[in-house]
Amino acid sequence: MHGMLVSMDAEELAARWRERLEAWAIPDEILARASADPWTHSPERFGTRTDRALAEPDDGPTMTRLTEALPDQGTLLDVGCGAGASSLPLSGRVGHLYAVDSSAAMLDGLTLRADKLGVPVTTIHGRWPDVADEAPVADVAIAAHVVYNVPDLAGFLRALDAHTRGRVVLELTHRHPTSWMTPLWQHFHGIDRPVRPVAEDCVALAAALGFAVRVEEREAPLERFSSLEELAASACRRACLDPSRADEVAATAVELGMWPLPRDRWVTVWWD
């Protein structure tokens, strides 16, 4: 009976996570006017972030929890790896890296950097957990800044746990990564963006699945944008506005008190 209550609870939390995430969909009539896919990530930007992580190693909770759990020359599974910002800084300890991403360009960027660092890497192209069968069971797993792209979070976390011998580490922003744009959506489209899901919702689901979760939170170690121009270009793409309106978006952001943007809160969630 107890187990049944737990799973019902997890099922309900999983359904809520999915519904809340679906509420972030961009209305069709706005999407139709987009000149570029508002949801894609730039491999160049991720590459820059990885290079920065390699040049200035971050000693925050995510790296700490990974380092203490990873045996010397152990295997590391990085799901939603991007260009490797969360796994390649551990290059001295990693015996083999299994890198999963739905973007081939991101995997190319990671492979290039892993080769330079002398890290043996196997890339797996596709979405987790669809491609989970291609990954072995690793000593430690990391999924950083991925969960807000995952409608079936229960399936995602279960597969991550099943493919990890030692510790699973998640890193996520406290709120949806595009929450910072809420005032711009209101200004340009007259639309309110959702508030949830938030990190607590992910933690509650992981706990309901039976994982002994631990949580640490901190201010993000880096600014979201290095310039107002970068913010405006990103906002144009994500809010489906023509890139020619970048100056107008920049001026609006300043007017609305959005520049400089406050740093995000980053949350590290882990269990053994």
Protein backbone atom coordinates (compact mmCIF):
# COMPACT_ATOMS: atom_id res chain seq x y z
CA MET A 1 0.00 0.00 0.00
CA HIS A 2 2.78 2.41 0.96
CA GLY A 3 4.53 1.81 -2.38
CA MET A 4 1.29 2.43 -4.20
CA LEU A 5 0.85 5.79 -2.46
CA VAL A 6 4.39 6.78 -3.41
CA SER A 7 3.91 5.91 -7.07
CA MET A 8 0.52 7.67 -7.26
CA ASP A 9 2.13 10.73 -5.77
CA ALA A 10 5.00 10.54 -8.27
CA GLU A 11 2.53 10.07 -11.11
CA GLU A 12 0.60 13.17 -10.11
CA LEU A 13 3.78 15.25 -9.74
CA ALA A 14 5.02 13.99 -13.11
CA ALA A 15 1.72 14.96 -14.78
CA ARG A 16 1.88 18.40 -13.18
CA TRP A 17 5.46 18.91 -14.36
CA ARG A 18 4.43 18.03 -17.92
CA GLU A 19 1.38 20.35 -17.86
CA ARG A 20 3.37 23.23 -16.44
CA LEU A 21 6.11 22.78 -19.02
CA GLU A 22 3.56 22.59 -21.85
CA ALA A 23 2.19 25.96 -20.71
CA TRP A 24 5.51 27.45 -21.91
CA ALA A 25 4.67 26.61 -25.54
CA ILE A 26 4.65 29.70 -27.74
CA PRO A 27 1.22 30.46 -29.28
CA ASP A 28 1.02 29.29 -32.92
CA GLU A 29 0.20 32.72 -34.35
CA ILE A 30 3.38 34.17 -32.78
CA LEU A 31 5.48 31.15 -33.75
CA ALA A 32 4.33 31.55 -37.36
CA ARG A 33 6.05 34.94 -37.51
CA ALA A 34 9.40 33.68 -36.18
CA SER A 35 12.39 34.06 -38.48
CA ALA A 36 14.40 31.49 -36.46
CA ASP A 37 13.57 28.61 -34.13
CA PRO A 38 13.04 30.29 -30.73
CA TRP A 39 13.98 27.17 -28.78
CA THR A 40 17.32 26.24 -30.34
CA HIS A 41 20.62 26.81 -28.57
CA SER A 42 23.69 28.20 -30.25
CA PRO A 43 26.58 25.70 -30.38
CA GLU A 44 28.96 28.71 -30.49
CA ARG A 45 27.56 30.12 -27.28
CA PHE A 46 27.73 26.73 -25.56
CA GLY A 47 31.28 26.30 -26.84
CA THR A 48 32.28 29.64 -25.34
CA ARG A 49 30.72 28.62 -22.04
CA THR A 50 32.65 25.34 -22.05
CA ASP A 51 35.93 27.09 -22.87
CA ARG A 52 35.30 29.46 -19.99
CA ALA A 53 34.52 26.55 -17.63
CA LEU A 54 37.82 24.93 -18.67
CA ALA A 55 39.82 28.15 -18.25
CA GLU A 56 38.23 29.14 -14.93
CA PRO A 57 37.18 25.97 -13.12
CA ASP A 58 34.06 26.47 -11.01
CA ASP A 59 34.27 25.18 -7.45
CA GLY A 60 30.51 25.30 -6.88
CA PRO A 61 28.39 22.46 -5.46
CA THR A 62 27.85 20.69 -8.80
CA MET A 63 31.57 20.26 -9.49
CA THR A 64 32.23 19.40 -5.85
CA ARG A 65 29.58 16.66 -5.78
CA LEU A 66 30.81 15.20 -9.08
CA THR A 67 34.48 15.27 -8.09
CA GLU A 68 33.95 13.59 -4.73
CA ALA A 69 31.84 10.80 -6.25
CA LEU A 70 33.84 10.06 -9.39
CA PRO A 71 36.50 7.37 -8.89
CA ASP A 72 39.88 8.18 -10.43
CA GLN A 73 39.62 7.28 -14.15
CA GLY A 74 35.95 6.43 -13.61
CA THR A 75 33.16 6.59 -16.18
CA LEU A 76 30.98 9.68 -16.45
CA LEU A 77 27.62 9.95 -18.22
CA ASP A 78 26.74 13.50 -19.30
CA VAL A 79 23.12 13.76 -20.49
CA GLY A 80 22.22 16.88 -22.45
CA CYS A 81 25.95 17.55 -22.51
CA GLY A 82 26.03 20.55 -24.85
CA ALA A 83 29.69 21.28 -25.57
CA GLY A 84 30.79 19.69 -22.29
CA ALA A 85 30.79 22.57 -19.79
CA SER A 86 29.79 20.26 -16.92
CA SER A 87 31.91 17.21 -17.74
CA LEU A 88 35.12 18.30 -19.48
CA PRO A 89 36.42 20.31 -16.48
CA LEU A 90 36.76 16.87 -14.82
CA SER A 91 39.08 15.69 -17.61
CA GLY A 92 41.88 14.78 -15.19
CA ARG A 93 39.66 12.25 -13.40
CA VAL A 94 37.51 10.84 -16.23
CA GLY A 95 38.55 7.48 -17.66
CA HIS A 96 35.72 7.52 -20.23
CA LEU A 97 33.01 10.06 -20.98
CA TYR A 98 29.64 9.06 -22.42
CA ALA A 99 28.07 12.21 -23.86
CA VAL A 100 24.39 12.36 -24.86
CA ASP A 101 22.80 15.25 -26.75
CA SER A 102 20.05 15.76 -29.32
CA SER A 103 22.27 18.21 -31.24
CA ALA A 104 24.97 16.75 -33.49
CA ALA A 105 26.70 20.17 -33.61
CA MET A 106 26.99 20.23 -29.80
CA LEU A 107 28.45 16.70 -29.80
CA ASP A 108 31.00 17.76 -32.45
CA GLY A 109 32.04 20.68 -30.26
CA LEU A 110 32.41 18.38 -27.26
CA THR A 111 34.41 15.76 -29.19
CA LEU A 112 36.82 18.40 -30.48
CA ARG A 113 37.51 19.62 -26.94
CA ALA A 114 37.64 16.12 -25.42
CA ASP A 115 40.28 15.07 -28.00
CA LYS A 116 42.44 18.08 -27.12
CA LEU A 117 42.15 17.19 -23.43
CA GLY A 118 42.87 13.51 -24.07
CA VAL A 119 39.51 12.35 -22.71
CA PRO A 120 38.19 9.15 -24.34
CA VAL A 121 34.61 9.93 -25.36
CA THR A 122 31.65 8.05 -26.81
CA THR A 123 28.93 10.32 -28.15
CA ILE A 124 25.29 9.27 -28.30
CA HIS A 125 23.09 11.38 -30.57
CA GLY A 126 19.46 11.64 -29.52
CA ARG A 127 17.09 12.50 -26.71
CA TRP A 128 17.31 10.89 -23.29
CA PRO A 129 15.79 8.46 -22.31
CA ASP A 130 15.00 7.40 -25.93
CA VAL A 131 18.69 6.56 -26.46
CA ALA A 132 19.37 5.28 -22.93
CA ASP A 133 19.88 1.72 -24.23
CA GLU A 134 22.99 2.93 -26.08
CA ALA A 135 24.61 4.10 -22.85
CA PRO A 136 26.36 1.80 -20.36
CA VAL A 137 25.96 2.02 -16.59
CA ALA A 138 28.43 4.71 -15.50
CA ASP A 139 30.01 5.51 -12.14
CA VAL A 140 28.50 8.99 -12.03
CA ALA A 141 25.92 10.89 -14.11
CA ILE A 142 25.39 14.61 -14.66
CA ALA A 143 22.45 16.35 -16.37
CA ALA A 144 23.05 20.10 -16.22
CA HIS A 145 20.51 22.66 -17.42
CA VAL A 146 18.40 20.05 -19.19
CA VAL A 147 15.30 19.29 -17.12
CA TYR A 148 13.26 22.27 -18.36
CA ASN A 149 13.42 20.67 -21.82
CA VAL A 150 12.05 17.37 -20.51
CA PRO A 151 8.26 16.82 -20.50
CA ASP A 152 8.53 13.23 -19.19
CA LEU A 153 10.74 14.05 -16.23
CA ALA A 154 9.91 10.88 -14.29
CA GLY A 155 11.07 8.66 -17.19
CA PHE A 156 14.16 10.84 -17.63
CA LEU A 157 15.20 10.59 -13.96
CA ARG A 158 14.45 6.87 -13.68
CA ALA A 159 16.63 6.10 -16.72
CA LEU A 160 19.39 8.33 -15.35
CA ASP A 161 19.30 6.50 -12.02
CA ALA A 162 19.24 3.10 -13.75
CA HIS A 163 22.40 4.01 -15.72
CA THR A 164 24.36 5.16 -12.70
CA ARG A 165 26.28 3.04 -10.23
CA GLY A 166 27.21 5.81 -7.84
CA ARG A 167 25.82 9.33 -7.87
CA VAL A 168 23.35 11.26 -10.03
CA VAL A 169 23.82 15.04 -10.13
CA LEU A 170 21.39 17.53 -11.68
CA GLU A 171 21.99 21.25 -12.10
CA LEU A 172 19.15 23.61 -13.00
CA THR A 173 18.14 27.23 -12.72
CA HIS A 174 15.71 27.96 -9.93
CA ARG A 175 13.11 29.14 -12.46
CA HIS A 176 12.52 28.33 -16.13
CA PRO A 177 15.61 29.53 -18.07
CA THR A 178 13.56 31.97 -20.18
CA SER A 179 11.72 33.48 -17.17
CA TRP A 180 13.90 36.59 -17.43
CA MET A 181 11.98 37.50 -20.61
CA THR A 182 8.54 37.70 -18.99
CA PRO A 183 8.39 41.57 -19.06
CA LEU A 184 9.34 41.55 -22.77
CA TRP A 185 6.60 39.03 -23.66
CA GLN A 186 4.13 41.26 -21.83
CA HIS A 187 5.41 44.39 -23.60
CA PHE A 188 5.68 43.08 -27.17
CA HIS A 189 2.93 40.44 -27.27
CA GLY A 190 0.66 41.27 -24.32
CA ILE A 191 1.18 37.73 -23.02
CA ASP A 192 1.88 36.55 -19.48
CA ARG A 193 4.40 33.73 -19.26
CA PRO A 194 4.00 30.90 -16.72
CA VAL A 195 5.81 30.97 -13.39
CA ARG A 196 6.19 27.21 -12.92
CA PRO A 197 7.66 24.64 -13.01
CA VAL A 198 10.48 25.66 -10.66
CA ALA A 199 13.38 23.72 -9.17
CA GLU A 200 11.30 22.62 -6.15
CA ASP A 201 8.93 20.81 -8.51
CA CYS A 202 11.83 18.75 -9.91
CA VAL A 203 13.10 18.01 -6.38
CA ALA A 204 9.62 16.93 -5.20
CA LEU A 205 9.26 14.54 -8.14
CA ALA A 206 12.74 13.02 -7.64
CA ALA A 207 11.93 12.47 -3.95
CA ALA A 208 8.53 10.94 -4.81
CA LEU A 209 10.34 8.51 -7.14
CA GLY A 210 12.20 7.26 -4.07
CA PHE A 211 15.58 8.97 -4.58
CA ALA A 212 17.29 10.29 -1.43
CA VAL A 213 17.72 13.79 -2.84
CA ARG A 214 20.00 16.45 -1.43
CA VAL A 215 19.76 20.06 -2.59
CA GLU A 216 22.20 22.99 -2.66
CA GLU A 217 21.50 26.41 -4.10
CA ARG A 218 23.70 29.38 -5.01
CA GLU A 219 23.95 32.43 -7.20
CA ALA A 220 24.93 31.55 -10.78
CA PRO A 221 28.71 31.86 -11.24
CA LEU A 222 28.31 33.76 -14.51
CA GLU A 223 26.23 36.55 -16.02
CA ARG A 224 23.58 35.45 -18.49
CA PHE A 225 24.71 37.98 -21.12
CA SER A 226 27.96 39.84 -21.58
CA SER A 227 26.29 42.84 -23.24
CA LEU A 228 22.92 44.51 -23.81
CA GLU A 229 23.31 43.71 -27.54
CA GLU A 230 23.64 40.01 -26.75
CA LEU A 231 20.51 40.18 -24.59
CA ALA A 232 18.55 41.93 -27.35
CA ALA A 233 19.61 39.43 -30.03
CA SER A 234 18.61 36.53 -27.79
CA ALA A 235 15.28 38.15 -26.88
CA CYS A 236 14.43 38.76 -30.56
CA ARG A 237 14.94 35.08 -31.35
CA ARG A 238 13.17 33.72 -28.28
CA ALA A 239 10.21 36.11 -28.50
CA CYS A 240 9.84 35.58 -32.28
CA LEU A 241 10.61 39.22 -33.09
CA ASP A 242 12.39 40.25 -36.27
CA PRO A 243 16.16 40.65 -35.65
CA SER A 244 15.89 44.18 -37.10
CA ARG A 245 14.08 45.17 -33.90
CA ALA A 246 17.11 44.48 -31.70
CA ASP A 247 17.71 48.18 -30.89
CA GLU A 248 14.07 48.63 -29.91
CA VAL A 249 14.26 45.51 -27.70
CA ALA A 250 17.47 46.78 -26.07
CA ALA A 251 15.89 50.19 -25.35
CA THR A 252 12.77 48.50 -23.94
CA ALA A 253 14.86 46.23 -21.69
CA VAL A 254 16.61 49.30 -20.25
CA GLU A 255 13.29 51.12 -19.83
CA LEU A 256 11.80 48.13 -17.99
CA GLY A 257 14.80 48.00 -15.63
CA MET A 258 15.97 44.67 -17.07
CA TRP A 259 19.59 45.65 -17.65
CA PRO A 260 21.84 44.55 -16.12
CA LEU A 261 19.93 41.32 -15.49
CA PRO A 262 20.26 39.95 -11.97
CA ARG A 263 22.11 36.65 -11.86
CA ASP A 264 20.13 33.43 -11.82
CA ARG A 265 19.90 31.10 -8.84
CA TRP A 266 21.41 27.71 -9.69
CA VAL A 267 20.27 24.58 -7.88
CA THR A 268 22.30 21.37 -7.53
CA VAL A 269 20.26 18.24 -6.83
CA TRP A 270 22.02 14.94 -6.14
CA TRP A 271 21.54 11.47 -4.75
CA ASP A 272 23.65 8.32 -4.36
